[in-house]
Amino acid sequence: MTKIAVVYHSSTGTTEQLACAIAEGVHTTAGAEAILLKVSEEAIRQGRYIDGEVMRQLDCCDGIVFGSPTFMGCVSAQFKAFMDATSERYGRRAWADKQAAGFTIGGSPSGDQLNTLQTLQIFAGQHGMLWMGIDLPAGWDSAGRNRLGAQTGLIAQRTESGGVHPQDHLTASYLGQRFARHLAR
């Protein structure tokens, strides 16, 4: 069984909706299992992320999809605390050669979400992980997926009502399918 973790922080629920859609996509692939791991505020004390159980679960996964809302042009402070807490794993190369991908959501079509994806990609690279983007060119997909045109990972825009756009939900599901299919090879 291929085990894929979707680790994310969500403050308004939209990042969590995308995480769930990615997990749905993973579950469409035979032999793939997704686990959702939320970076919770309760696990951060004096600025340090301390949830060892989440870290142990990530150690046992074949691949990890990272997700954070874009706040002020980068990952949330909570997700950054999680990233910093992985330094011991970085030192012993615990996640080297695992597959990685990333996603984010913001309030505008740009909003510097690309910087959030690049932060996640660099983070994965520091761990020696192999990054997977989205292979859907914007405007070419008959289902309208990847509507905002990011190739590095999923960039989504919060709707005016505070939810996830249906095309972004489809793109998240596609990312989960693509990720799981690749790991199953």
C-alpha atoms as a PDB file:
ATOM      1  CA  MET A   1       0.000   0.000   0.000  1.00  0.00           C
ATOM      2  CA  THR A   2       1.348   3.420  -0.995  1.00  0.00           C
ATOM      3  CA  LYS A   3       0.885   5.831   1.894  1.00  0.00           C
ATOM      4  CA  ILE A   4       0.594   9.538   1.110  1.00  0.00           C
ATOM      5  CA  ALA A   5       0.352  12.259   3.742  1.00  0.00           C
ATOM      6  CA  VAL A   6      -1.324  15.592   3.148  1.00  0.00           C
ATOM      7  CA  VAL A   7       0.045  17.881   5.853  1.00  0.00           C
ATOM      8  CA  TYR A   8      -1.476  21.343   5.995  1.00  0.00           C
ATOM      9  CA  HIS A   9      -2.454  24.358   8.063  1.00  0.00           C
ATOM     10  CA  SER A  10      -5.882  25.912   7.584  1.00  0.00           C
ATOM     11  CA  SER A  11      -7.224  28.938   9.403  1.00  0.00           C
ATOM     12  CA  THR A  12     -10.513  29.538   7.553  1.00  0.00           C
ATOM     13  CA  GLY A  13     -11.195  26.010   6.290  1.00  0.00           C
ATOM     14  CA  THR A  14     -10.347  26.543   2.613  1.00  0.00           C
ATOM     15  CA  THR A  15      -6.891  24.960   2.817  1.00  0.00           C
ATOM     16  CA  GLU A  16      -8.513  22.028   4.596  1.00  0.00           C
ATOM     17  CA  GLN A  17     -11.089  21.705   1.793  1.00  0.00           C
ATOM     18  CA  LEU A  18      -8.256  21.507  -0.733  1.00  0.00           C
ATOM     19  CA  ALA A  19      -6.422  18.947   1.434  1.00  0.00           C
ATOM     20  CA  CYS A  20      -9.552  16.782   1.510  1.00  0.00           C
ATOM     21  CA  ALA A  21      -9.907  17.059  -2.279  1.00  0.00           C
ATOM     22  CA  ILE A  22      -6.290  15.946  -2.717  1.00  0.00           C
ATOM     23  CA  ALA A  23      -6.964  12.969  -0.422  1.00  0.00           C
ATOM     24  CA  GLU A  24     -10.071  12.130  -2.487  1.00  0.00           C
ATOM     25  CA  GLY A  25      -7.894  12.107  -5.589  1.00  0.00           C
ATOM     26  CA  VAL A  26      -5.337   9.839  -3.928  1.00  0.00           C
ATOM     27  CA  HIS A  27      -8.087   7.389  -2.967  1.00  0.00           C
ATOM     28  CA  THR A  28      -9.105   6.969  -6.628  1.00  0.00           C
ATOM     29  CA  THR A  29      -5.820   5.145  -7.244  1.00  0.00           C
ATOM     30  CA  ALA A  30      -5.776   1.450  -6.384  1.00  0.00           C
ATOM     31  CA  GLY A  31      -3.295   0.642  -3.641  1.00  0.00           C
ATOM     32  CA  ALA A  32      -2.959   4.253  -2.463  1.00  0.00           C
ATOM     33  CA  GLU A  33      -3.977   5.593   0.913  1.00  0.00           C
ATOM     34  CA  ALA A  34      -4.054   9.236   2.011  1.00  0.00           C
ATOM     35  CA  ILE A  35      -3.798  10.482   5.554  1.00  0.00           C
ATOM     36  CA  LEU A  36      -4.718  14.048   6.459  1.00  0.00           C
ATOM     37  CA  LEU A  37      -2.462  15.685   9.046  1.00  0.00           C
ATOM     38  CA  LYS A  38      -3.486  19.143  10.193  1.00  0.00           C
ATOM     39  CA  VAL A  39      -0.924  21.497  11.687  1.00  0.00           C
ATOM     40  CA  SER A  40      -2.938  22.740  14.635  1.00  0.00           C
ATOM     41  CA  GLU A  41      -2.351  25.858  16.662  1.00  0.00           C
ATOM     42  CA  GLU A  42      -2.580  23.760  19.849  1.00  0.00           C
ATOM     43  CA  ALA A  43       0.609  21.941  18.820  1.00  0.00           C
ATOM     44  CA  ILE A  44       2.603  25.187  18.794  1.00  0.00           C
ATOM     45  CA  ARG A  45       4.079  26.325  22.089  1.00  0.00           C
ATOM     46  CA  GLN A  46       6.279  29.385  22.391  1.00  0.00           C
ATOM     47  CA  GLY A  47       6.577  29.412  18.600  1.00  0.00           C
ATOM     48  CA  ARG A  48       7.715  25.768  18.316  1.00  0.00           C
ATOM     49  CA  TYR A  49       5.692  22.972  16.714  1.00  0.00           C
ATOM     50  CA  ILE A  50       5.762  19.962  19.055  1.00  0.00           C
ATOM     51  CA  ASP A  51       3.490  17.247  17.615  1.00  0.00           C
ATOM     52  CA  GLY A  52       5.818  14.249  17.464  1.00  0.00           C
ATOM     53  CA  GLU A  53       3.029  11.903  16.347  1.00  0.00           C
ATOM     54  CA  VAL A  54       2.511  13.892  13.127  1.00  0.00           C
ATOM     55  CA  MET A  55       6.254  13.717  12.476  1.00  0.00           C
ATOM     56  CA  ARG A  56       6.317   9.948  13.033  1.00  0.00           C
ATOM     57  CA  GLN A  57       3.419   9.494  10.611  1.00  0.00           C
ATOM     58  CA  LEU A  58       5.232  11.590   7.999  1.00  0.00           C
ATOM     59  CA  ASP A  59       8.358   9.447   8.438  1.00  0.00           C
ATOM     60  CA  CYS A  60       6.312   6.369   7.460  1.00  0.00           C
ATOM     61  CA  CYS A  61       4.819   7.875   4.297  1.00  0.00           C
ATOM     62  CA  ASP A  62       6.008   7.311   0.741  1.00  0.00           C
ATOM     63  CA  GLY A  63       5.141  10.856  -0.268  1.00  0.00           C
ATOM     64  CA  ILE A  64       4.040  14.128   1.320  1.00  0.00           C
ATOM     65  CA  VAL A  65       1.841  16.902  -0.065  1.00  0.00           C
ATOM     66  CA  PHE A  66       2.379  20.187   1.808  1.00  0.00           C
ATOM     67  CA  GLY A  67      -0.337  22.851   2.077  1.00  0.00           C
ATOM     68  CA  SER A  68      -0.600  26.293   3.590  1.00  0.00           C
ATOM     69  CA  PRO A  69      -2.724  29.359   3.017  1.00  0.00           C
ATOM     70  CA  THR A  70      -0.804  32.313   1.669  1.00  0.00           C
ATOM     71  CA  PHE A  71      -0.491  34.987   4.344  1.00  0.00           C
ATOM     72  CA  MET A  72       1.420  38.146   3.521  1.00  0.00           C
ATOM     73  CA  GLY A  73       3.034  36.457   0.511  1.00  0.00           C
ATOM     74  CA  CYS A  74       4.250  33.266   2.180  1.00  0.00           C
ATOM     75  CA  VAL A  75       3.256  30.244   4.270  1.00  0.00           C
ATOM     76  CA  SER A  76       1.350  30.864   7.498  1.00  0.00           C
ATOM     77  CA  ALA A  77       3.323  31.268  10.712  1.00  0.00           C
ATOM     78  CA  GLN A  78       1.836  27.993  11.939  1.00  0.00           C
ATOM     79  CA  PHE A  79       3.066  26.097   8.888  1.00  0.00           C
ATOM     80  CA  LYS A  80       6.480  27.738   9.188  1.00  0.00           C
ATOM     81  CA  ALA A  81       6.656  26.497  12.796  1.00  0.00           C
ATOM     82  CA  PHE A  82       5.979  22.992  11.460  1.00  0.00           C
ATOM     83  CA  MET A  83       8.705  23.410   8.820  1.00  0.00           C
ATOM     84  CA  ASP A  84      11.225  24.541  11.438  1.00  0.00           C
ATOM     85  CA  ALA A  85      10.388  21.513  13.605  1.00  0.00           C
ATOM     86  CA  THR A  86      11.594  19.168  10.848  1.00  0.00           C
ATOM     87  CA  SER A  87      15.241  20.224  11.229  1.00  0.00           C
ATOM     88  CA  GLU A  88      16.226  17.018  13.030  1.00  0.00           C
ATOM     89  CA  ARG A  89      14.810  15.013  10.112  1.00  0.00           C
ATOM     90  CA  TYR A  90      16.674  17.287   7.723  1.00  0.00           C
ATOM     91  CA  GLY A  91      19.931  16.534   9.547  1.00  0.00           C
ATOM     92  CA  ARG A  92      19.554  12.776   9.214  1.00  0.00           C
ATOM     93  CA  ARG A  93      17.996  12.922   5.702  1.00  0.00           C
ATOM     94  CA  ALA A  94      14.868  11.092   6.925  1.00  0.00           C
ATOM     95  CA  TRP A  95      12.707  12.293   4.025  1.00  0.00           C
ATOM     96  CA  ALA A  96      15.319  12.122   1.257  1.00  0.00           C
ATOM     97  CA  ASP A  97      13.933  10.698  -1.999  1.00  0.00           C
ATOM     98  CA  LYS A  98      10.308  10.891  -0.865  1.00  0.00           C
ATOM     99  CA  GLN A  99       7.976  12.455  -3.421  1.00  0.00           C
ATOM    100  CA  ALA A 100       6.610  15.927  -2.551  1.00  0.00           C
ATOM    101  CA  ALA A 101       4.062  18.387  -3.893  1.00  0.00           C
ATOM    102  CA  GLY A 102       2.373  21.513  -2.617  1.00  0.00           C
ATOM    103  CA  PHE A 103      -0.725  23.674  -2.634  1.00  0.00           C
ATOM    104  CA  THR A 104      -1.916  27.036  -1.392  1.00  0.00           C
ATOM    105  CA  ILE A 105      -4.915  29.326  -1.460  1.00  0.00           C
ATOM    106  CA  GLY A 106      -5.214  33.073  -1.192  1.00  0.00           C
ATOM    107  CA  GLY A 107      -7.728  35.837  -1.569  1.00  0.00           C
ATOM    108  CA  SER A 108      -6.684  37.084  -5.002  1.00  0.00           C
ATOM    109  CA  PRO A 109      -5.642  35.541  -8.329  1.00  0.00           C
ATOM    110  CA  SER A 110      -1.985  36.268  -7.596  1.00  0.00           C
ATOM    111  CA  GLY A 111      -1.466  37.486  -4.058  1.00  0.00           C
ATOM    112  CA  ASP A 112       2.074  36.103  -4.197  1.00  0.00           C
ATOM    113  CA  GLN A 113       0.836  32.506  -3.873  1.00  0.00           C
ATOM    114  CA  LEU A 114       3.710  31.463  -6.148  1.00  0.00           C
ATOM    115  CA  ASN A 115       6.106  32.492  -3.388  1.00  0.00           C
ATOM    116  CA  THR A 116       4.280  30.142  -1.008  1.00  0.00           C
ATOM    117  CA  LEU A 117       4.677  27.263  -3.481  1.00  0.00           C
ATOM    118  CA  GLN A 118       8.334  28.111  -3.998  1.00  0.00           C
ATOM    119  CA  THR A 119       8.837  28.151  -0.220  1.00  0.00           C
ATOM    120  CA  LEU A 120       7.297  24.671  -0.016  1.00  0.00           C
ATOM    121  CA  GLN A 121       9.386  23.481  -2.977  1.00  0.00           C
ATOM    122  CA  ILE A 122      12.617  24.785  -1.447  1.00  0.00           C
ATOM    123  CA  PHE A 123      11.657  23.192   1.878  1.00  0.00           C
ATOM    124  CA  ALA A 124      11.165  19.838   0.130  1.00  0.00           C
ATOM    125  CA  GLY A 125      14.435  20.298  -1.753  1.00  0.00           C
ATOM    126  CA  GLN A 126      16.315  20.939   1.483  1.00  0.00           C
ATOM    127  CA  HIS A 127      15.015  17.582   2.692  1.00  0.00           C
ATOM    128  CA  GLY A 128      16.210  15.906  -0.516  1.00  0.00           C
ATOM    129  CA  MET A 129      12.655  15.236  -1.648  1.00  0.00           C
ATOM    130  CA  LEU A 130      11.547  14.976  -5.295  1.00  0.00           C
ATOM    131  CA  TRP A 131       9.030  17.676  -6.281  1.00  0.00           C
ATOM    132  CA  MET A 132       6.003  17.091  -8.496  1.00  0.00           C
ATOM    133  CA  GLY A 133       4.063  19.892 -10.100  1.00  0.00           C
ATOM    134  CA  ILE A 134       0.858  19.950 -12.110  1.00  0.00           C
ATOM    135  CA  ASP A 135       1.019  18.868 -15.749  1.00  0.00           C
ATOM    136  CA  LEU A 136      -2.115  20.739 -16.858  1.00  0.00           C
ATOM    137  CA  PRO A 137      -1.444  23.858 -18.941  1.00  0.00           C
ATOM    138  CA  ALA A 138      -3.876  26.649 -18.046  1.00  0.00           C
ATOM    139  CA  GLY A 139      -6.666  27.127 -20.549  1.00  0.00           C
ATOM    140  CA  TRP A 140      -6.091  23.778 -22.274  1.00  0.00           C
ATOM    141  CA  ASP A 141      -7.971  21.431 -19.966  1.00  0.00           C
ATOM    142  CA  SER A 142     -11.523  20.607 -21.063  1.00  0.00           C
ATOM    143  CA  ALA A 143     -12.610  20.336 -17.396  1.00  0.00           C
ATOM    144  CA  GLY A 144     -11.209  23.783 -16.584  1.00  0.00           C
ATOM    145  CA  ARG A 145      -8.666  22.476 -14.088  1.00  0.00           C
ATOM    146  CA  ASN A 146      -5.614  24.572 -13.227  1.00  0.00           C
ATOM    147  CA  ARG A 147      -7.585  27.722 -13.988  1.00  0.00           C
ATOM    148  CA  LEU A 148      -4.950  29.980 -12.398  1.00  0.00           C
ATOM    149  CA  GLY A 149      -2.140  28.443 -14.435  1.00  0.00           C
ATOM    150  CA  ALA A 150       0.443  27.349 -11.883  1.00  0.00           C
ATOM    151  CA  GLN A 151       2.710  24.479 -12.920  1.00  0.00           C
ATOM    152  CA  THR A 152       4.737  24.306  -9.691  1.00  0.00           C
ATOM    153  CA  GLY A 153       1.734  23.136  -7.669  1.00  0.00           C
ATOM    154  CA  LEU A 154      -1.860  24.030  -6.934  1.00  0.00           C
ATOM    155  CA  ILE A 155      -2.664  27.708  -6.531  1.00  0.00           C
ATOM    156  CA  ALA A 156      -6.269  28.394  -5.605  1.00  0.00           C
ATOM    157  CA  GLN A 157      -8.265  31.555  -5.002  1.00  0.00           C
ATOM    158  CA  ARG A 158     -10.831  31.860  -2.240  1.00  0.00           C
ATOM    159  CA  THR A 159     -14.302  32.674  -3.584  1.00  0.00           C
ATOM    160  CA  GLU A 160     -16.178  35.814  -2.572  1.00  0.00           C
ATOM    161  CA  SER A 161     -18.306  33.676  -0.253  1.00  0.00           C
ATOM    162  CA  GLY A 162     -15.154  32.378   1.459  1.00  0.00           C
ATOM    163  CA  GLY A 163     -15.088  28.908  -0.106  1.00  0.00           C
ATOM    164  CA  VAL A 164     -13.097  26.970  -2.677  1.00  0.00           C
ATOM    165  CA  HIS A 165     -13.828  27.511  -6.373  1.00  0.00           C
ATOM    166  CA  PRO A 166     -15.181  24.292  -7.989  1.00  0.00           C
ATOM    167  CA  GLN A 167     -12.377  24.270 -10.600  1.00  0.00           C
ATOM    168  CA  ASP A 168      -9.765  24.571  -7.843  1.00  0.00           C
ATOM    169  CA  HIS A 169     -11.411  21.630  -6.059  1.00  0.00           C
ATOM    170  CA  LEU A 170     -11.141  19.606  -9.294  1.00  0.00           C
ATOM    171  CA  THR A 171      -7.499  20.608  -9.662  1.00  0.00           C
ATOM    172  CA  ALA A 172      -6.765  19.516  -6.097  1.00  0.00           C
ATOM    173  CA  SER A 173      -8.360  16.133  -6.747  1.00  0.00           C
ATOM    174  CA  TYR A 174      -6.327  15.830  -9.940  1.00  0.00           C
ATOM    175  CA  LEU A 175      -3.119  16.619  -8.062  1.00  0.00           C
ATOM    176  CA  GLY A 176      -3.907  13.815  -5.601  1.00  0.00           C
ATOM    177  CA  GLN A 177      -4.576  11.374  -8.478  1.00  0.00           C
ATOM    178  CA  ARG A 178      -1.388  12.368 -10.309  1.00  0.00           C
ATOM    179  CA  PHE A 179       0.686  12.103  -7.142  1.00  0.00           C
ATOM    180  CA  ALA A 180      -0.671   8.652  -6.258  1.00  0.00           C
ATOM    181  CA  ARG A 181      -0.341   7.306  -9.812  1.00  0.00           C
ATOM    182  CA  HIS A 182       3.281   8.422  -9.941  1.00  0.00           C
ATOM    183  CA  LEU A 183       4.104   6.779  -6.611  1.00  0.00           C
ATOM    184  CA  ALA A 184       2.350   3.565  -7.674  1.00  0.00           C
ATOM    185  CA  ARG A 185       4.733   3.138 -10.626  1.00  0.00           C
END
